[in-house]
Amino acid sequence: MQQHRPVALITGASRGIGRAVAADLGRTHHVLVGGRDEEAVAEVVAALPSAAGFVADLVDDALPALPERLDVLVHSAGVEDGDAVGDTDRATWRRVFEANLFAVAELTRLALPALRAARGTVVLVNSGSGFSSAPGGAVYAASKFALRALADALREEERQAGVRVVSVHPGRTDSDMQRAKVEKEGRDYDLRFLLDPADVAAVVRTAVDLPPGAVLETASVRPSAVR
């Protein structure tokens, strides 16, 4: 079925928001499912009508082979780490920026020829922390501020080539990362105050499905009310 479908590559697609995006785009696209867990990647691939998987840590491993034409690139992989600035060492800063920024920039660089050929769409799943920071959150927020800067520059650099660049900024979303964050904060995990990953996937779908003459440049999505 691949030749009849546009192609979407999704990092971090084995869980959380990335998995929800894969399920949504998988209705219409051939999906290249990226993740670090081979079993989880295979599970996602098996559930989609047209898909293939690749297993890689985008910081340390070789990046996947890219098709000649790529219609959608969704960056959903990322990490959350760090503490108060006075308690966070340089290795932590480097690790978070490697995952949340440098790996994104490198995969995008390699994918641009295929994206230009398709006049494709790049979606960077950012965070509410890409707009504001709080005590104990400097490392993660700084990486997401930088990711927003990358998106803003890339959008203008590629506008004439027809490549659309979208920043999606979810609020707190039900995910393994969020569970770890809430546990670290010493609070109860309450789904009433969290987005469903499918909610974020719906925003990505909206950005992808816009007519080619329009781009959803920045989208902030938060829970509308307590569930």
Protein backbone atom coordinates (compact mmCIF):
# COMPACT_ATOMS: atom_id res chain seq x y z
CA MET A 1 0.00 0.00 0.00
CA GLN A 2 2.98 2.32 0.45
CA GLN A 3 3.02 3.58 -3.14
CA HIS A 4 -0.57 4.79 -2.81
CA ARG A 5 -0.05 6.72 0.41
CA PRO A 6 1.91 9.81 1.48
CA VAL A 7 4.80 8.96 3.80
CA ALA A 8 5.12 10.16 7.41
CA LEU A 9 8.14 9.56 9.63
CA ILE A 10 7.44 9.85 13.37
CA THR A 11 10.08 9.72 16.10
CA GLY A 12 9.11 8.62 19.57
CA ALA A 13 6.22 6.75 17.97
CA SER A 14 6.23 3.73 20.27
CA ARG A 15 4.47 5.49 23.15
CA GLY A 16 2.62 8.58 24.32
CA ILE A 17 1.95 11.41 21.89
CA GLY A 18 4.08 9.88 19.15
CA ARG A 19 2.10 6.66 19.25
CA ALA A 20 -1.19 8.55 19.10
CA VAL A 21 0.08 10.54 16.10
CA ALA A 22 1.11 7.30 14.38
CA ALA A 23 -2.36 5.83 14.94
CA ASP A 24 -4.05 8.95 13.55
CA LEU A 25 -1.81 9.54 10.53
CA GLY A 26 -1.73 5.80 9.90
CA ARG A 27 -5.31 6.00 8.63
CA THR A 28 -4.08 7.82 5.52
CA HIS A 29 -0.27 7.62 5.46
CA HIS A 30 2.46 5.02 5.21
CA VAL A 31 4.12 5.52 8.60
CA LEU A 32 7.79 5.06 9.44
CA VAL A 33 7.58 4.28 13.15
CA GLY A 34 10.64 5.27 15.17
CA GLY A 35 11.41 4.28 18.75
CA ARG A 36 14.02 2.81 21.06
CA ASP A 37 12.12 -0.35 22.10
CA GLU A 38 12.04 -2.98 19.34
CA GLU A 39 9.01 -4.80 20.73
CA ALA A 40 7.00 -1.60 21.17
CA VAL A 41 7.88 -0.41 17.66
CA ALA A 42 6.83 -3.76 16.19
CA GLU A 43 3.52 -3.55 18.08
CA VAL A 44 2.73 -0.14 16.60
CA VAL A 45 3.72 -1.23 13.09
CA ALA A 46 1.50 -4.31 13.33
CA ALA A 47 -1.51 -2.19 14.25
CA LEU A 48 -1.24 0.11 11.21
CA PRO A 49 -2.49 -0.55 7.68
CA SER A 50 0.80 0.52 6.08
CA ALA A 51 3.94 0.96 8.17
CA ALA A 52 7.58 0.06 8.72
CA GLY A 53 9.66 0.51 11.85
CA PHE A 54 13.15 1.55 12.83
CA VAL A 55 14.79 1.20 16.23
CA ALA A 56 17.31 3.85 17.20
CA ASP A 57 18.38 6.20 19.92
CA LEU A 58 18.58 9.35 17.81
CA VAL A 59 21.31 10.77 20.05
CA ASP A 60 23.72 7.84 19.86
CA ASP A 61 22.73 5.63 16.92
CA ALA A 62 22.85 6.02 13.16
CA LEU A 63 19.79 7.82 11.87
CA PRO A 64 17.32 5.87 9.75
CA ALA A 65 17.56 5.67 5.97
CA LEU A 66 15.22 8.23 4.50
CA PRO A 67 12.95 7.89 1.48
CA GLU A 68 13.41 10.09 -1.58
CA ARG A 69 10.07 11.76 -0.84
CA LEU A 70 8.80 12.48 2.66
CA ASP A 71 5.44 14.16 3.15
CA VAL A 72 5.45 14.51 6.93
CA LEU A 73 8.17 14.50 9.59
CA VAL A 74 6.94 14.52 13.19
CA HIS A 75 9.50 15.00 15.96
CA SER A 76 7.92 13.51 19.08
CA ALA A 77 10.93 11.90 20.78
CA GLY A 78 12.35 13.76 23.76
CA VAL A 79 13.49 13.58 27.37
CA GLU A 80 12.76 15.49 30.56
CA ASP A 81 15.50 15.88 33.15
CA GLY A 82 17.22 18.43 35.34
CA ASP A 83 16.64 20.14 38.66
CA ALA A 84 17.34 23.57 40.08
CA VAL A 85 20.11 25.28 38.14
CA GLY A 86 22.41 25.08 41.18
CA ASP A 87 21.88 21.33 41.38
CA THR A 88 22.21 20.38 37.70
CA ASP A 89 25.55 19.37 36.20
CA ARG A 90 26.78 20.02 32.68
CA ALA A 91 26.29 16.39 31.63
CA THR A 92 22.54 16.69 32.27
CA TRP A 93 22.29 19.88 30.24
CA ARG A 94 24.13 18.22 27.39
CA ARG A 95 22.02 15.06 27.51
CA VAL A 96 18.72 16.97 27.38
CA PHE A 97 19.86 19.30 24.59
CA GLU A 98 21.26 16.37 22.59
CA ALA A 99 17.87 14.63 22.65
CA ASN A 100 15.50 17.58 22.47
CA LEU A 101 17.38 19.84 20.06
CA PHE A 102 20.52 18.51 18.39
CA ALA A 103 19.01 15.19 17.28
CA VAL A 104 15.97 17.05 15.94
CA ALA A 105 18.14 19.49 13.99
CA GLU A 106 20.26 16.70 12.49
CA LEU A 107 17.34 14.49 11.40
CA THR A 108 15.61 17.53 9.92
CA ARG A 109 18.76 18.49 8.01
CA LEU A 110 19.00 15.02 6.52
CA ALA A 111 15.28 14.90 5.69
CA LEU A 112 15.03 18.31 4.01
CA PRO A 113 15.73 17.14 0.44
CA ALA A 114 12.91 14.58 0.72
CA LEU A 115 10.61 17.11 2.37
CA ARG A 116 11.31 19.70 -0.31
CA ALA A 117 10.53 17.14 -3.02
CA ALA A 118 7.12 16.56 -1.44
CA ARG A 119 6.51 20.16 -0.29
CA GLY A 120 6.06 18.43 3.03
CA THR A 121 5.31 19.34 6.63
CA VAL A 122 7.60 19.26 9.66
CA VAL A 123 5.84 19.05 13.02
CA LEU A 124 7.87 19.67 16.17
CA VAL A 125 6.06 18.46 19.27
CA ASN A 126 7.25 21.04 21.76
CA SER A 127 5.70 21.79 25.17
CA GLY A 128 4.04 24.47 27.23
CA SER A 129 7.55 24.76 28.66
CA GLY A 130 8.59 26.13 25.28
CA PHE A 131 6.85 29.37 26.30
CA SER A 132 7.62 29.66 30.02
CA SER A 133 9.93 28.24 32.66
CA ALA A 134 9.55 27.53 36.36
CA PRO A 135 11.79 26.67 39.32
CA GLY A 136 13.38 23.28 38.75
CA GLY A 137 12.46 23.27 35.08
CA ALA A 138 15.23 25.34 33.51
CA VAL A 139 16.93 22.49 31.64
CA TYR A 140 13.83 21.10 29.94
CA ALA A 141 12.34 24.54 29.26
CA ALA A 142 15.60 25.87 27.83
CA SER A 143 15.75 22.96 25.39
CA LYS A 144 12.14 23.62 24.36
CA PHE A 145 12.70 27.38 24.00
CA ALA A 146 15.61 26.48 21.72
CA LEU A 147 13.42 24.03 19.80
CA ARG A 148 10.91 26.82 19.20
CA ALA A 149 13.73 29.04 17.91
CA LEU A 150 14.81 26.27 15.55
CA ALA A 151 11.24 25.96 14.26
CA ASP A 152 10.85 29.70 13.75
CA ALA A 153 14.08 29.94 11.74
CA LEU A 154 13.43 26.77 9.74
CA ARG A 155 9.93 27.93 8.84
CA GLU A 156 11.22 31.08 7.15
CA GLU A 157 14.23 29.34 5.58
CA GLU A 158 12.01 26.74 3.90
CA ARG A 159 8.89 28.80 3.20
CA GLN A 160 9.77 29.41 -0.45
CA ALA A 161 10.53 25.70 -0.90
CA GLY A 162 6.98 24.94 0.19
CA VAL A 163 7.99 23.09 3.38
CA ARG A 164 5.61 23.90 6.23
CA VAL A 165 6.98 23.99 9.79
CA VAL A 166 4.63 23.60 12.74
CA SER A 167 5.27 23.95 16.48
CA VAL A 168 2.75 22.14 18.69
CA HIS A 169 2.86 23.02 22.38
CA PRO A 170 0.83 20.61 24.51
CA GLY A 171 0.11 21.19 28.14
CA ARG A 172 0.51 18.31 30.56
CA THR A 173 -0.38 15.13 28.70
CA ASP A 174 -0.96 11.58 29.92
CA SER A 175 2.35 9.81 29.21
CA ASP A 176 5.22 7.92 30.82
CA MET A 177 7.21 11.16 30.89
CA GLN A 178 4.40 12.93 32.71
CA ARG A 179 4.07 10.11 35.26
CA ALA A 180 7.78 10.37 36.04
CA LYS A 181 7.53 14.15 36.35
CA VAL A 182 4.53 14.02 38.70
CA GLU A 183 6.23 11.35 40.83
CA LYS A 184 9.32 13.57 41.08
CA GLU A 185 7.12 16.47 42.15
CA GLY A 186 5.52 14.30 44.84
CA ARG A 187 1.97 14.79 43.59
CA ASP A 188 -0.86 12.40 42.74
CA TYR A 189 -1.29 11.48 39.09
CA ASP A 190 -4.74 12.79 38.19
CA LEU A 191 -6.01 12.21 34.64
CA ARG A 192 -8.65 14.92 35.11
CA PHE A 193 -5.96 17.56 34.68
CA LEU A 194 -4.21 16.00 31.67
CA LEU A 195 -4.66 15.94 27.93
CA ASP A 196 -5.21 12.63 26.20
CA PRO A 197 -2.41 11.97 23.65
CA ALA A 198 -5.13 11.64 21.01
CA ASP A 199 -6.03 15.29 21.63
CA VAL A 200 -2.52 16.32 20.61
CA ALA A 201 -2.60 13.95 17.64
CA ALA A 202 -5.77 15.70 16.45
CA VAL A 203 -3.87 19.01 16.35
CA VAL A 204 -1.08 17.38 14.33
CA ARG A 205 -3.68 15.97 11.95
CA THR A 206 -5.20 19.44 11.51
CA ALA A 207 -1.79 20.90 10.64
CA VAL A 208 -1.04 18.12 8.16
CA ASP A 209 -4.45 18.31 6.47
CA LEU A 210 -4.49 22.06 5.87
CA PRO A 211 -4.47 23.04 2.19
CA PRO A 212 -0.90 23.50 0.89
CA GLY A 213 -1.30 27.27 0.76
CA ALA A 214 -1.73 27.53 4.55
CA VAL A 215 0.40 26.61 7.55
CA LEU A 216 -0.55 26.27 11.22
CA GLU A 217 2.64 27.84 12.50
CA THR A 218 2.21 27.54 16.27
CA ALA A 219 -0.48 25.72 18.25
CA SER A 220 -0.88 25.68 22.03
CA VAL A 221 -3.23 22.99 23.33
CA ARG A 222 -4.28 22.51 26.95
CA PRO A 223 -7.12 20.70 28.73
CA SER A 224 -10.31 22.69 28.24
CA ALA A 225 -11.64 21.76 31.69
CA VAL A 226 -11.27 19.20 34.44
CA ARG A 227 -12.41 15.88 33.00
